[in-house]
Protein backbone atom coordinates (compact mmCIF):
# COMPACT_ATOMS: atom_id res chain seq x y z
CA MET A 1 -7.25 4.22 -19.35
CA GLY A 2 -3.90 5.97 -19.14
CA SER A 3 -1.08 3.50 -19.76
CA ILE A 4 2.05 4.81 -21.52
CA THR A 5 4.80 2.60 -22.93
CA LEU A 6 8.10 3.80 -24.35
CA GLN A 7 9.90 1.34 -26.62
CA LYS A 8 13.53 2.23 -27.45
CA VAL A 9 12.60 5.92 -27.59
CA SER A 10 15.48 8.22 -28.54
CA LYS A 11 15.97 11.90 -29.30
CA VAL A 12 18.85 13.52 -31.14
CA PHE A 13 19.45 17.25 -31.59
CA GLY A 14 22.10 17.60 -34.30
CA GLU A 15 25.08 15.61 -33.04
CA ALA A 16 23.84 15.50 -29.46
CA LYS A 17 22.06 12.37 -28.22
CA VAL A 18 19.79 13.85 -25.58
CA ILE A 19 17.87 10.57 -25.09
CA PRO A 20 20.03 7.63 -26.29
CA SER A 21 17.36 4.88 -25.91
CA ILE A 22 14.70 4.44 -23.26
CA ASP A 23 12.25 1.63 -22.44
CA LEU A 24 9.62 2.41 -19.82
CA ASP A 25 6.16 1.21 -18.78
CA ILE A 26 3.76 3.55 -16.98
CA LYS A 27 0.65 1.78 -15.73
CA ASP A 28 -2.85 3.22 -15.78
CA GLY A 29 -3.44 5.36 -12.68
CA GLU A 30 0.20 5.56 -11.58
CA PHE A 31 1.85 8.74 -10.30
CA VAL A 32 5.28 8.60 -11.95
CA VAL A 33 7.97 11.20 -11.33
CA PHE A 34 10.92 11.84 -13.66
CA VAL A 35 13.76 13.21 -11.53
CA GLY A 36 17.34 14.10 -12.19
CA PRO A 37 19.78 17.03 -12.40
CA SER A 38 19.41 19.86 -14.90
CA GLY A 39 20.13 18.69 -18.44
CA CYS A 40 19.40 15.02 -17.74
CA GLY A 41 16.63 14.86 -20.38
CA LYS A 42 13.56 14.64 -18.15
CA SER A 43 11.64 17.57 -19.70
CA THR A 44 12.60 16.43 -23.20
CA LEU A 45 11.24 12.97 -22.41
CA LEU A 46 7.96 14.48 -21.20
CA ARG A 47 7.67 16.57 -24.38
CA LEU A 48 8.25 13.44 -26.47
CA ILE A 49 5.35 11.73 -24.67
CA ALA A 50 3.18 14.82 -25.19
CA GLY A 51 4.05 15.03 -28.87
CA LEU A 52 5.63 18.48 -28.54
CA GLU A 53 8.89 16.98 -29.82
CA ASP A 54 9.29 14.36 -32.54
CA VAL A 55 11.09 11.16 -31.56
CA SER A 56 14.30 10.32 -33.41
CA GLY A 57 13.69 6.61 -32.95
CA GLY A 58 11.49 4.12 -31.16
CA LYS A 59 7.79 4.01 -30.41
CA ILE A 60 5.36 5.64 -27.95
CA VAL A 61 2.27 3.58 -27.14
CA ILE A 62 -0.64 5.21 -25.28
CA ASP A 63 -3.51 3.00 -24.12
CA GLY A 64 -2.29 0.20 -26.36
CA ARG A 65 -2.23 2.33 -29.52
CA ASP A 66 0.83 3.59 -31.37
CA ALA A 67 0.87 7.36 -30.81
CA THR A 68 4.38 8.03 -32.13
CA GLU A 69 3.19 10.00 -35.15
CA LYS A 70 0.03 11.45 -33.62
CA ALA A 71 -0.37 15.18 -33.03
CA PRO A 72 -0.46 16.35 -29.38
CA SER A 73 -4.21 17.00 -29.61
CA GLU A 74 -4.81 13.40 -30.68
CA ARG A 75 -2.98 11.72 -27.79
CA GLY A 76 -5.59 12.27 -25.08
CA LEU A 77 -3.05 13.90 -22.75
CA ALA A 78 -3.08 17.22 -20.89
CA MET A 79 0.10 19.11 -20.02
CA VAL A 80 0.66 21.59 -17.19
CA PHE A 81 3.75 23.76 -17.56
CA GLN A 82 5.84 25.61 -14.97
CA SER A 83 4.57 28.88 -16.46
CA TYR A 84 0.85 29.18 -15.84
CA ALA A 85 0.14 30.48 -19.39
CA LEU A 86 -3.20 31.98 -18.33
CA TYR A 87 -5.01 34.58 -20.43
CA PRO A 88 -4.77 37.77 -18.33
CA HIS A 89 -7.92 39.37 -19.80
CA MET A 90 -10.08 36.30 -19.09
CA SER A 91 -11.76 35.32 -15.83
CA VAL A 92 -10.82 32.11 -14.05
CA ARG A 93 -14.03 30.60 -15.40
CA ASN A 94 -13.15 31.43 -18.99
CA ASN A 95 -9.53 30.34 -18.61
CA ILE A 96 -10.65 26.91 -17.43
CA ALA A 97 -13.35 26.70 -20.10
CA PHE A 98 -11.11 27.79 -22.99
CA PRO A 99 -10.08 24.34 -24.31
CA LEU A 100 -13.70 23.18 -24.24
CA LYS A 101 -14.87 26.24 -26.17
CA MET A 102 -12.15 25.64 -28.76
CA ALA A 103 -13.39 22.05 -29.08
CA GLY A 104 -16.96 23.23 -29.71
CA VAL A 105 -18.47 21.73 -26.55
CA ASP A 106 -21.97 23.06 -25.79
CA LYS A 107 -22.38 25.70 -23.08
CA ALA A 108 -24.28 23.52 -20.58
CA GLU A 109 -21.56 20.85 -20.70
CA ILE A 110 -18.84 23.50 -20.34
CA ASP A 111 -20.56 25.01 -17.30
CA ARG A 112 -20.88 21.59 -15.67
CA LYS A 113 -17.26 20.64 -16.26
CA VAL A 114 -15.91 24.00 -15.12
CA SER A 115 -18.01 23.85 -11.94
CA ASP A 116 -16.81 20.31 -11.21
CA ALA A 117 -13.15 21.24 -11.73
CA ALA A 118 -13.50 24.38 -9.62
CA ARG A 119 -15.02 22.36 -6.78
CA VAL A 120 -12.22 19.79 -6.85
CA LEU A 121 -9.57 22.55 -6.85
CA ASN A 122 -11.28 24.86 -4.33
CA LEU A 123 -11.66 27.60 -6.95
CA THR A 124 -15.44 28.06 -6.84
CA ASP A 125 -15.18 31.41 -5.04
CA TYR A 126 -12.62 32.71 -7.56
CA LEU A 127 -14.33 31.92 -10.87
CA GLU A 128 -15.06 35.56 -11.73
CA ARG A 129 -11.60 36.88 -10.81
CA LYS A 130 -8.80 37.65 -13.26
CA PRO A 131 -5.40 35.92 -12.93
CA ARG A 132 -3.78 39.11 -11.57
CA GLN A 133 -6.11 38.88 -8.56
CA LEU A 134 -4.85 35.40 -7.62
CA SER A 135 -1.85 34.06 -5.71
CA GLY A 136 0.76 31.93 -7.44
CA GLY A 137 -0.74 28.75 -6.01
CA GLN A 138 -4.24 29.73 -7.16
CA ARG A 139 -2.97 30.46 -10.67
CA GLN A 140 -1.36 27.05 -10.80
CA ARG A 141 -4.65 25.48 -9.75
CA VAL A 142 -6.40 27.31 -12.59
CA ALA A 143 -3.86 25.87 -15.03
CA ILE A 144 -4.53 22.41 -13.60
CA GLY A 145 -8.28 23.02 -13.86
CA ARG A 146 -7.91 23.83 -17.54
CA ALA A 147 -6.28 20.41 -17.93
CA ILE A 148 -8.89 18.59 -15.81
CA VAL A 149 -11.89 19.70 -17.89
CA ARG A 150 -10.43 17.93 -20.92
CA GLN A 151 -10.71 14.63 -18.99
CA PRO A 152 -7.38 13.35 -20.33
CA SER A 153 -6.16 9.79 -20.03
CA ALA A 154 -3.01 11.19 -18.36
CA PHE A 155 -1.69 14.46 -16.96
CA LEU A 156 1.85 15.59 -17.77
CA PHE A 157 3.40 18.09 -15.31
CA ASP A 158 6.61 19.92 -16.28
CA GLU A 159 8.10 21.34 -13.04
CA PRO A 160 4.78 23.00 -12.13
CA LEU A 161 5.91 24.23 -8.71
CA SER A 162 9.22 25.85 -9.64
CA ASN A 163 7.76 29.38 -9.66
CA LEU A 164 6.28 29.08 -6.15
CA ASP A 165 7.86 29.94 -2.80
CA ALA A 166 8.77 27.19 -0.34
CA ALA A 167 5.52 27.25 1.66
CA LEU A 168 3.34 27.20 -1.46
CA ARG A 169 5.38 24.36 -2.92
CA VAL A 170 4.56 22.20 0.11
CA ASN A 171 0.85 23.07 -0.12
CA MET A 172 0.69 22.40 -3.86
CA ARG A 173 2.50 19.07 -3.42
CA LEU A 174 -0.28 18.00 -1.09
CA GLU A 175 -3.00 19.34 -3.37
CA ILE A 176 -1.65 17.56 -6.46
CA SER A 177 -1.26 14.31 -4.50
CA GLU A 178 -4.85 14.60 -3.23
CA LEU A 179 -6.02 15.38 -6.75
CA HIS A 180 -4.40 12.17 -7.97
CA GLN A 181 -6.20 10.19 -5.28
CA GLN A 182 -9.53 11.74 -6.28
CA LEU A 183 -9.20 11.44 -10.05
CA LYS A 184 -7.20 8.18 -10.11
CA THR A 185 -5.78 9.34 -13.46
CA THR A 186 -2.24 8.64 -14.63
CA MET A 187 0.14 11.48 -13.78
CA VAL A 188 3.67 11.94 -15.10
CA TYR A 189 5.54 14.65 -13.22
CA VAL A 190 8.94 16.20 -13.94
CA THR A 191 11.07 17.78 -11.23
CA HIS A 192 14.72 18.30 -10.28
CA ASP A 193 13.67 18.29 -6.61
CA GLN A 194 14.14 14.82 -5.14
CA VAL A 195 12.03 15.77 -2.09
CA GLU A 196 9.06 16.33 -4.42
CA ALA A 197 9.79 12.99 -6.06
CA MET A 198 10.02 11.11 -2.75
CA THR A 199 6.84 12.60 -1.29
CA MET A 200 4.57 12.41 -4.35
CA ALA A 201 5.47 9.42 -6.49
CA ASP A 202 4.19 5.88 -6.71
CA LYS A 203 7.17 5.25 -8.95
CA ILE A 204 10.32 7.31 -9.51
CA VAL A 205 12.36 7.29 -12.73
CA VAL A 206 15.89 8.58 -12.06
CA LEU A 207 17.46 10.04 -15.20
CA ASN A 208 21.09 10.90 -15.87
CA ARG A 209 22.39 12.13 -19.23
CA GLY A 210 19.30 10.82 -20.99
CA ASN A 211 19.56 7.33 -19.51
CA ILE A 212 17.39 5.68 -16.87
CA GLU A 213 19.57 4.87 -13.86
CA GLN A 214 16.82 3.20 -11.81
CA VAL A 215 13.04 2.83 -11.62
CA GLY A 216 11.26 1.99 -8.38
CA SER A 217 9.17 3.18 -5.46
CA PRO A 218 10.60 5.99 -3.31
CA LEU A 219 11.54 3.57 -0.52
CA GLU A 220 13.16 1.13 -2.96
CA LEU A 221 15.40 3.87 -4.30
CA TYR A 222 16.21 5.09 -0.81
CA SER A 223 16.91 1.65 0.67
CA ARG A 224 18.40 -0.12 -2.35
CA PRO A 225 20.01 2.35 -4.77
CA ARG A 226 21.36 0.57 -7.82
CA ASN A 227 24.50 2.68 -8.17
CA LEU A 228 26.46 5.63 -6.83
CA PHE A 229 24.49 8.16 -8.87
CA VAL A 230 21.12 7.13 -7.46
CA ALA A 231 22.56 6.77 -3.96
CA GLY A 232 23.92 10.31 -4.08
CA PHE A 233 20.85 11.86 -5.70
CA ILE A 234 18.07 10.32 -3.58
CA GLY A 235 18.08 11.41 0.05
CA SER A 236 18.52 14.75 1.78
CA PRO A 237 21.15 15.44 3.01
CA LYS A 238 22.92 13.27 0.46
CA MET A 239 24.64 10.01 1.30
CA ASN A 240 28.23 10.07 2.62
CA PHE A 241 30.71 8.19 0.42
CA ILE A 242 33.95 6.67 1.72
CA THR A 243 36.79 5.11 -0.29
CA GLY A 244 40.18 3.71 0.63
CA GLN A 245 41.07 1.21 3.32
CA HIS A 246 37.78 1.47 5.22
CA ALA A 247 35.83 0.59 2.08
CA ALA A 248 38.32 -2.13 1.14
CA ALA A 249 37.92 -3.69 4.58
CA LEU A 250 34.26 -4.28 3.69
CA ASN A 251 35.12 -5.73 0.27
CA ALA A 252 33.96 -2.63 -1.56
CA HIS A 253 35.56 0.07 -3.69
CA THR A 254 33.21 2.63 -2.12
CA ILE A 255 30.88 2.48 0.85
CA GLY A 256 27.96 4.79 1.47
CA VAL A 257 26.30 5.77 4.73
CA ARG A 258 23.30 8.06 4.98
CA PRO A 259 23.59 10.90 7.53
CA GLU A 260 20.70 9.45 9.55
CA HIS A 261 22.52 6.10 9.83
CA LEU A 262 25.53 7.57 11.66
CA THR A 263 25.57 7.94 15.45
CA ILE A 264 27.59 10.74 17.02
CA SER A 265 29.22 10.75 20.44
CA THR A 266 31.58 13.00 22.38
CA THR A 267 33.23 10.03 24.10
CA GLU A 268 33.73 7.08 21.77
CA GLY A 269 33.15 5.76 18.27
CA LEU A 270 34.76 4.37 15.13
CA TRP A 271 35.90 7.60 13.44
CA LYS A 272 37.31 10.54 15.38
CA GLY A 273 36.72 14.02 14.06
CA GLU A 274 35.91 17.65 14.72
CA ALA A 275 32.48 19.23 14.33
CA SER A 276 32.79 21.86 11.61
CA VAL A 277 29.36 23.38 10.92
CA THR A 278 26.12 22.67 12.76
CA GLU A 279 22.81 23.43 11.04
CA HIS A 280 19.84 23.67 13.40
CA LEU A 281 16.49 23.10 11.66
CA GLY A 282 14.35 22.53 14.75
CA SER A 283 13.11 19.01 14.07
CA ASP A 284 16.57 17.95 12.82
CA THR A 285 20.16 19.03 13.19
CA PHE A 286 22.80 18.46 10.50
CA ILE A 287 26.36 18.25 11.80
CA HIS A 288 29.27 18.37 9.35
CA VAL A 289 32.27 16.57 10.81
CA ARG A 290 35.85 16.59 9.54
CA THR A 291 37.19 13.17 10.44
CA GLU A 292 40.85 12.20 10.63
CA VAL A 293 40.68 9.19 8.31
CA VAL A 294 37.57 9.32 6.07
CA GLY A 295 37.17 13.03 5.35
CA LEU A 296 34.10 15.25 5.72
CA LEU A 297 30.91 13.46 6.80
CA THR A 298 27.40 14.73 7.48
CA VAL A 299 25.39 13.43 10.43
CA ARG A 300 21.66 13.89 10.94
CA VAL A 301 20.25 13.82 14.47
CA LEU A 302 16.70 14.33 15.67
CA GLY A 303 15.89 17.60 17.39
CA GLU A 304 18.49 19.83 18.99
CA THR A 305 22.02 18.89 19.98
CA GLY A 306 24.55 20.38 22.34
CA ILE A 307 27.46 19.72 19.96
CA ARG A 308 29.14 22.90 18.76
CA ALA A 309 31.68 23.79 16.08
CA GLY A 310 35.23 22.85 17.05
CA GLU A 311 34.19 20.09 19.44
CA THR A 312 35.84 16.64 19.22
CA VAL A 313 33.32 13.94 18.29
CA TYR A 314 33.22 10.29 17.27
CA LEU A 315 31.07 8.77 14.50
CA THR A 316 29.89 5.18 14.13
CA PRO A 317 27.92 3.83 11.14
CA ASP A 318 25.04 1.38 11.53
CA PRO A 319 26.59 -1.82 10.10
CA ALA A 320 23.22 -2.99 8.75
CA ARG A 321 22.72 0.24 6.77
CA ILE A 322 26.07 0.47 4.98
CA HIS A 323 25.84 0.45 1.16
CA ARG A 324 28.63 -1.19 -0.82
CA PHE A 325 29.63 -0.31 -4.41
CA ASN A 326 32.18 -1.89 -6.74
CA GLU A 327 34.83 -0.09 -8.81
CA LYS A 328 32.19 0.71 -11.49
CA GLY A 329 29.93 2.34 -8.94
CA VAL A 330 27.36 -0.47 -9.03
CA ALA A 331 25.75 -1.64 -5.79
CA LYS A 332 26.89 -5.03 -4.47
């Protein structure tokens, strides 16, 4: 079991309300990602669940039991930090085994659990190496292995990929997702990277200034953002926002159109403009267009394009994919 329920959980540091009040249900076996900009409270919330910070108010229930006042070691959770925190003088085997040795587990059981974890994480051939002999991705896997052997009811990940380069981040995303499928254990994962959130999560929790803006599956947040904040945060490149007469004509204070839902033409279209910067990524091209009436817009097209900077172009939004928001920024 690995269900986690937050009931009116809050956290105050001095005069600052970092987490005003949060209610959240995390089901057993879910992969839940906390995402939001720096300072939104996502790491603080994870530390409250882990017991590394005391709550200022509310209740944390783990597997149906009140864990609000329990020590971290009594909550049945395992946390993986962005720093690997490995013991440099110990082998991979001993680093993974360390929490079991501290708990007094017998040697045969330790050997079995370490071997099982190493097999799952493809670390069997590295068990006798020291951390300095490993790549960043391998070190992170050792840190995860140290968590696995404890057989927790849930894993808590605090931006575990932030120290890795771009290629390793992609590989580790896949490895952690595959690990979740194998173990079927609850995972709560913190990141500021919405691409990580979209590709890994069963459920995303979007945080802003300590408040939950929206909870839902990646596609729900992409297709039906609740407000301007979620609409602008989820999706890469970010959604285009338009105000003024064009929004008013659609009975909205603001309308939003994702770059992939705009078509671009050199002959005709709704909004005339000039191509400013073109970013060629191979599989996609991002074209930034300065329009005459609605400002700077970003267009995403598949593959390569012949459009160059300075060229006159016309943009047309897909009417079925326009998002409408009222004066308070709430979706209509």
